[in-house]
């Protein structure tokens, strides 16, 4: 019996620090998703999650933070991505269970 091995794609996540705002930038498709870390905007997060969901239909992936700073934003983003990656795996399994993934 041969078990099928699935490879998970790793996508980049970066922290964009500006004078007024700081963002978590998720590299998805041609237009990276920016989640504002310095502003409480649920619609921004909802929009980002919808884009992640669309990409997830194509295949399983996870985000990996590329950031050299060891500041509070780095710590927040590491924890955020740990939770997001766990959610992504759960949701992808459900998408496959209900045959909602795209076969290429």
N, C-alpha and C. Protein backbone atom coordinates (compact mmCIF):
# COMPACT_ATOMS: atom_id res chain seq x y z
N UNK A 1 0.85 -1.18 0.00
CA UNK A 1 0.00 0.00 0.00
C UNK A 1 0.89 1.24 0.00
N UNK A 2 0.70 2.10 -0.97
CA UNK A 2 1.49 3.32 -1.09
C UNK A 2 0.66 4.48 -0.59
N UNK A 3 1.24 5.23 0.34
CA UNK A 3 0.55 6.40 0.87
C UNK A 3 0.92 7.61 0.04
N UNK A 4 -0.09 8.37 -0.36
CA UNK A 4 0.16 9.57 -1.15
C UNK A 4 0.76 10.65 -0.25
N UNK A 5 1.86 11.22 -0.71
CA UNK A 5 2.52 12.28 0.05
C UNK A 5 2.13 13.61 -0.55
N UNK A 6 1.58 14.46 0.28
CA UNK A 6 1.20 15.79 -0.19
C UNK A 6 2.20 16.80 0.35
N UNK A 7 2.65 17.67 -0.54
CA UNK A 7 3.58 18.70 -0.13
C UNK A 7 2.81 19.98 0.14
N UNK A 8 3.14 20.60 1.24
CA UNK A 8 2.49 21.84 1.60
C UNK A 8 3.36 23.01 1.15
N UNK A 9 2.74 23.92 0.45
CA UNK A 9 3.45 25.10 0.00
C UNK A 9 3.65 26.05 1.18
N UNK A 10 4.79 26.70 1.19
CA UNK A 10 5.06 27.70 2.22
C UNK A 10 5.02 29.07 1.58
N UNK A 11 4.19 29.93 2.14
CA UNK A 11 4.08 31.30 1.63
C UNK A 11 4.72 32.25 2.63
N UNK A 12 5.24 33.35 2.12
CA UNK A 12 5.95 34.31 2.96
C UNK A 12 4.99 35.26 3.67
N UNK A 13 5.38 35.62 4.86
CA UNK A 13 4.69 36.66 5.62
C UNK A 13 5.77 37.61 6.12
N UNK A 14 5.49 38.89 6.02
CA UNK A 14 6.46 39.90 6.46
C UNK A 14 5.76 40.95 7.30
N UNK A 15 6.53 41.66 8.06
CA UNK A 15 6.00 42.78 8.84
C UNK A 15 6.46 44.07 8.17
N UNK A 16 5.50 44.91 7.84
CA UNK A 16 5.79 46.19 7.21
C UNK A 16 5.59 47.27 8.27
N UNK A 17 6.68 47.86 8.71
CA UNK A 17 6.64 48.89 9.76
C UNK A 17 6.73 50.27 9.11
N UNK A 18 5.71 51.08 9.36
CA UNK A 18 5.71 52.46 8.87
C UNK A 18 5.57 53.38 10.07
N UNK A 19 5.69 54.66 9.82
CA UNK A 19 5.65 55.63 10.92
C UNK A 19 4.31 55.58 11.68
N UNK A 20 3.20 55.52 10.94
CA UNK A 20 1.89 55.56 11.58
C UNK A 20 1.26 54.18 11.79
N UNK A 21 1.54 53.24 10.91
CA UNK A 21 0.91 51.93 11.00
C UNK A 21 1.92 50.81 10.79
N UNK A 22 1.56 49.65 11.29
CA UNK A 22 2.35 48.44 11.07
C UNK A 22 1.42 47.37 10.53
N UNK A 23 1.89 46.62 9.54
CA UNK A 23 1.07 45.63 8.86
C UNK A 23 1.74 44.27 8.86
N UNK A 24 0.91 43.24 8.88
CA UNK A 24 1.36 41.89 8.58
C UNK A 24 1.01 41.68 7.11
N UNK A 25 2.01 41.42 6.29
CA UNK A 25 1.80 41.27 4.85
C UNK A 25 1.93 39.79 4.50
N UNK A 26 0.84 39.24 3.96
CA UNK A 26 0.79 37.83 3.57
C UNK A 26 0.91 37.74 2.06
N UNK A 27 1.91 37.02 1.60
CA UNK A 27 2.16 36.90 0.16
C UNK A 27 1.24 35.83 -0.43
N UNK A 28 0.14 36.31 -1.03
CA UNK A 28 -0.81 35.41 -1.69
C UNK A 28 -1.10 35.97 -3.07
N UNK A 29 -0.89 35.15 -4.07
CA UNK A 29 -1.20 35.58 -5.42
C UNK A 29 -0.41 36.80 -5.84
N UNK A 30 -1.01 37.58 -6.71
CA UNK A 30 -0.32 38.76 -7.25
C UNK A 30 -0.44 39.97 -6.35
N UNK A 31 -1.47 39.99 -5.50
CA UNK A 31 -1.69 41.13 -4.61
C UNK A 31 -1.56 40.68 -3.16
N UNK A 32 -0.44 41.00 -2.52
CA UNK A 32 -0.28 40.60 -1.11
C UNK A 32 -1.38 41.18 -0.23
N UNK A 33 -1.73 40.45 0.80
CA UNK A 33 -2.76 40.86 1.74
C UNK A 33 -2.08 41.60 2.89
N UNK A 34 -2.60 42.77 3.23
CA UNK A 34 -2.07 43.53 4.37
C UNK A 34 -3.10 43.54 5.48
N UNK A 35 -2.69 43.06 6.65
CA UNK A 35 -3.54 43.12 7.83
C UNK A 35 -2.94 44.17 8.75
N UNK A 36 -3.72 45.19 9.03
CA UNK A 36 -3.23 46.30 9.87
C UNK A 36 -3.15 45.83 11.32
N UNK A 37 -1.98 45.95 11.91
CA UNK A 37 -1.77 45.54 13.30
C UNK A 37 -2.01 46.68 14.28
N UNK A 38 -2.00 47.90 13.76
CA UNK A 38 -2.12 49.07 14.64
C UNK A 38 -3.50 49.70 14.60
N UNK A 39 -4.46 48.98 14.07
CA UNK A 39 -5.81 49.50 13.93
C UNK A 39 -6.79 48.36 14.13
N UNK A 40 -7.89 48.60 14.82
CA UNK A 40 -8.89 47.57 15.05
C UNK A 40 -9.94 47.66 13.96
N UNK A 41 -9.75 46.87 12.90
CA UNK A 41 -10.66 46.91 11.78
C UNK A 41 -11.07 45.48 11.41
N UNK A 42 -12.20 45.00 11.94
CA UNK A 42 -12.64 43.63 11.66
C UNK A 42 -12.87 43.37 10.17
N UNK A 43 -13.29 44.38 9.42
CA UNK A 43 -13.53 44.18 7.98
C UNK A 43 -12.24 43.88 7.24
N UNK A 44 -11.12 44.48 7.68
CA UNK A 44 -9.82 44.21 7.08
C UNK A 44 -9.45 42.74 7.27
N UNK A 45 -9.65 42.23 8.46
CA UNK A 45 -9.33 40.83 8.76
C UNK A 45 -10.28 39.90 8.01
N UNK A 46 -11.55 40.25 7.95
CA UNK A 46 -12.54 39.43 7.24
C UNK A 46 -12.20 39.36 5.76
N UNK A 47 -11.84 40.47 5.17
CA UNK A 47 -11.47 40.51 3.77
C UNK A 47 -10.22 39.66 3.51
N UNK A 48 -9.23 39.78 4.39
CA UNK A 48 -8.01 38.98 4.26
C UNK A 48 -8.33 37.50 4.34
N UNK A 49 -9.20 37.12 5.28
CA UNK A 49 -9.52 35.72 5.45
C UNK A 49 -10.27 35.18 4.23
N UNK A 50 -11.13 35.98 3.62
CA UNK A 50 -11.83 35.55 2.41
C UNK A 50 -10.85 35.28 1.27
N UNK A 51 -9.83 36.11 1.14
CA UNK A 51 -8.81 35.90 0.10
C UNK A 51 -8.00 34.64 0.39
N UNK A 52 -7.69 34.40 1.66
CA UNK A 52 -6.97 33.19 2.05
C UNK A 52 -7.81 31.96 1.72
N UNK A 53 -9.10 32.03 2.00
CA UNK A 53 -10.01 30.92 1.72
C UNK A 53 -10.04 30.59 0.23
N UNK A 54 -10.09 31.61 -0.62
CA UNK A 54 -10.08 31.39 -2.07
C UNK A 54 -8.80 30.65 -2.49
N UNK A 55 -7.67 31.07 -1.95
CA UNK A 55 -6.40 30.45 -2.28
C UNK A 55 -6.33 29.02 -1.74
N UNK A 56 -6.94 28.79 -0.62
CA UNK A 56 -6.91 27.49 0.04
C UNK A 56 -7.64 26.43 -0.78
N UNK A 57 -8.59 26.85 -1.60
CA UNK A 57 -9.31 25.90 -2.46
C UNK A 57 -8.37 25.28 -3.48
N UNK A 58 -7.26 25.94 -3.78
CA UNK A 58 -6.28 25.43 -4.74
C UNK A 58 -5.30 24.44 -4.13
N UNK A 59 -5.15 24.50 -2.82
CA UNK A 59 -4.22 23.57 -2.17
C UNK A 59 -3.77 24.09 -0.82
N UNK A 60 -3.29 23.17 -0.01
CA UNK A 60 -2.87 23.47 1.35
C UNK A 60 -1.56 24.26 1.35
N UNK A 61 -1.48 25.23 2.22
CA UNK A 61 -0.26 26.02 2.38
C UNK A 61 -0.18 26.50 3.81
N UNK A 62 0.98 27.03 4.15
CA UNK A 62 1.16 27.66 5.45
C UNK A 62 1.99 28.91 5.26
N UNK A 63 1.92 29.79 6.25
CA UNK A 63 2.70 31.02 6.20
C UNK A 63 3.92 30.89 7.10
N UNK A 64 5.02 31.48 6.65
CA UNK A 64 6.24 31.52 7.44
C UNK A 64 6.70 32.97 7.52
N UNK A 65 6.92 33.43 8.75
CA UNK A 65 7.32 34.82 8.95
C UNK A 65 8.78 35.02 8.61
N UNK A 66 9.05 36.03 7.80
CA UNK A 66 10.41 36.44 7.48
C UNK A 66 10.61 37.82 8.10
N UNK A 67 11.20 37.84 9.28
CA UNK A 67 11.39 39.11 9.99
C UNK A 67 12.56 38.94 10.95
N UNK A 68 13.45 39.89 10.91
CA UNK A 68 14.66 39.80 11.72
C UNK A 68 14.55 40.50 13.07
N UNK A 69 13.56 41.35 13.23
CA UNK A 69 13.41 42.11 14.49
C UNK A 69 12.88 41.21 15.59
N UNK A 70 13.22 41.53 16.80
CA UNK A 70 12.67 40.78 17.93
C UNK A 70 11.86 41.74 18.81
N UNK A 71 10.93 42.43 18.16
CA UNK A 71 10.10 43.39 18.88
C UNK A 71 8.71 42.79 19.15
N UNK A 72 7.85 43.60 19.71
CA UNK A 72 6.51 43.15 20.05
C UNK A 72 5.74 42.71 18.81
N UNK A 73 5.88 43.42 17.70
CA UNK A 73 5.17 43.04 16.47
C UNK A 73 5.61 41.67 15.98
N UNK A 74 6.89 41.38 16.09
CA UNK A 74 7.38 40.06 15.71
C UNK A 74 6.72 38.98 16.55
N UNK A 75 6.67 39.20 17.86
CA UNK A 75 6.05 38.21 18.76
C UNK A 75 4.57 38.03 18.45
N UNK A 76 3.87 39.13 18.22
CA UNK A 76 2.44 39.08 17.90
C UNK A 76 2.22 38.30 16.59
N UNK A 77 3.03 38.59 15.59
CA UNK A 77 2.85 37.97 14.28
C UNK A 77 3.18 36.47 14.32
N UNK A 78 4.17 36.09 15.09
CA UNK A 78 4.49 34.66 15.22
C UNK A 78 3.29 33.93 15.79
N UNK A 79 2.70 34.46 16.85
CA UNK A 79 1.54 33.82 17.47
C UNK A 79 0.34 33.84 16.51
N UNK A 80 0.13 34.96 15.85
CA UNK A 80 -0.97 35.09 14.89
C UNK A 80 -0.85 34.04 13.79
N UNK A 81 0.37 33.90 13.24
CA UNK A 81 0.57 32.94 12.16
C UNK A 81 0.44 31.50 12.64
N UNK A 82 0.86 31.21 13.87
CA UNK A 82 0.67 29.86 14.42
C UNK A 82 -0.81 29.51 14.44
N UNK A 83 -1.63 30.45 14.91
CA UNK A 83 -3.07 30.21 14.96
C UNK A 83 -3.68 30.15 13.56
N UNK A 84 -3.25 31.05 12.69
CA UNK A 84 -3.76 31.07 11.32
C UNK A 84 -3.41 29.77 10.60
N UNK A 85 -2.18 29.30 10.72
CA UNK A 85 -1.76 28.05 10.07
C UNK A 85 -2.57 26.85 10.58
N UNK A 86 -2.87 26.83 11.87
CA UNK A 86 -3.70 25.75 12.42
C UNK A 86 -5.11 25.81 11.82
N UNK A 87 -5.67 27.02 11.73
CA UNK A 87 -7.00 27.20 11.13
C UNK A 87 -7.00 26.79 9.66
N UNK A 88 -5.95 27.16 8.95
CA UNK A 88 -5.84 26.84 7.52
C UNK A 88 -5.89 25.32 7.33
N UNK A 89 -5.16 24.57 8.14
CA UNK A 89 -5.16 23.11 8.02
C UNK A 89 -6.54 22.53 8.28
N UNK A 90 -7.22 23.03 9.29
CA UNK A 90 -8.57 22.56 9.63
C UNK A 90 -9.55 22.86 8.50
N UNK A 91 -9.51 24.09 8.01
CA UNK A 91 -10.43 24.49 6.95
C UNK A 91 -10.15 23.74 5.67
N UNK A 92 -8.88 23.53 5.34
CA UNK A 92 -8.55 22.80 4.11
C UNK A 92 -9.07 21.37 4.18
N UNK A 93 -8.95 20.75 5.34
CA UNK A 93 -9.48 19.39 5.50
C UNK A 93 -10.99 19.37 5.27
N UNK A 94 -11.69 20.39 5.77
CA UNK A 94 -13.14 20.48 5.56
C UNK A 94 -13.47 20.73 4.09
N UNK A 95 -12.69 21.57 3.43
CA UNK A 95 -12.91 21.81 2.01
C UNK A 95 -12.76 20.51 1.21
N UNK A 96 -11.75 19.72 1.55
CA UNK A 96 -11.56 18.44 0.87
C UNK A 96 -12.70 17.47 1.18
N UNK A 97 -13.12 17.45 2.43
CA UNK A 97 -14.20 16.56 2.84
C UNK A 97 -15.48 16.84 2.05
N UNK A 98 -15.76 18.10 1.81
CA UNK A 98 -16.96 18.50 1.08
C UNK A 98 -16.70 18.69 -0.43
N UNK A 99 -15.52 18.26 -0.87
CA UNK A 99 -15.12 18.32 -2.28
C UNK A 99 -15.22 19.72 -2.86
N UNK A 100 -14.71 20.70 -2.11
CA UNK A 100 -14.74 22.09 -2.55
C UNK A 100 -13.38 22.59 -3.01
N UNK A 101 -12.41 21.69 -3.11
CA UNK A 101 -11.09 22.09 -3.58
C UNK A 101 -11.05 22.00 -5.11
N UNK A 102 -10.13 22.72 -5.71
CA UNK A 102 -9.97 22.73 -7.16
C UNK A 102 -8.93 21.71 -7.54
N UNK A 103 -9.27 20.80 -8.40
CA UNK A 103 -8.32 19.80 -8.89
C UNK A 103 -7.65 20.34 -10.14
N UNK A 104 -6.33 20.38 -10.11
CA UNK A 104 -5.60 20.92 -11.28
C UNK A 104 -4.93 19.82 -12.05
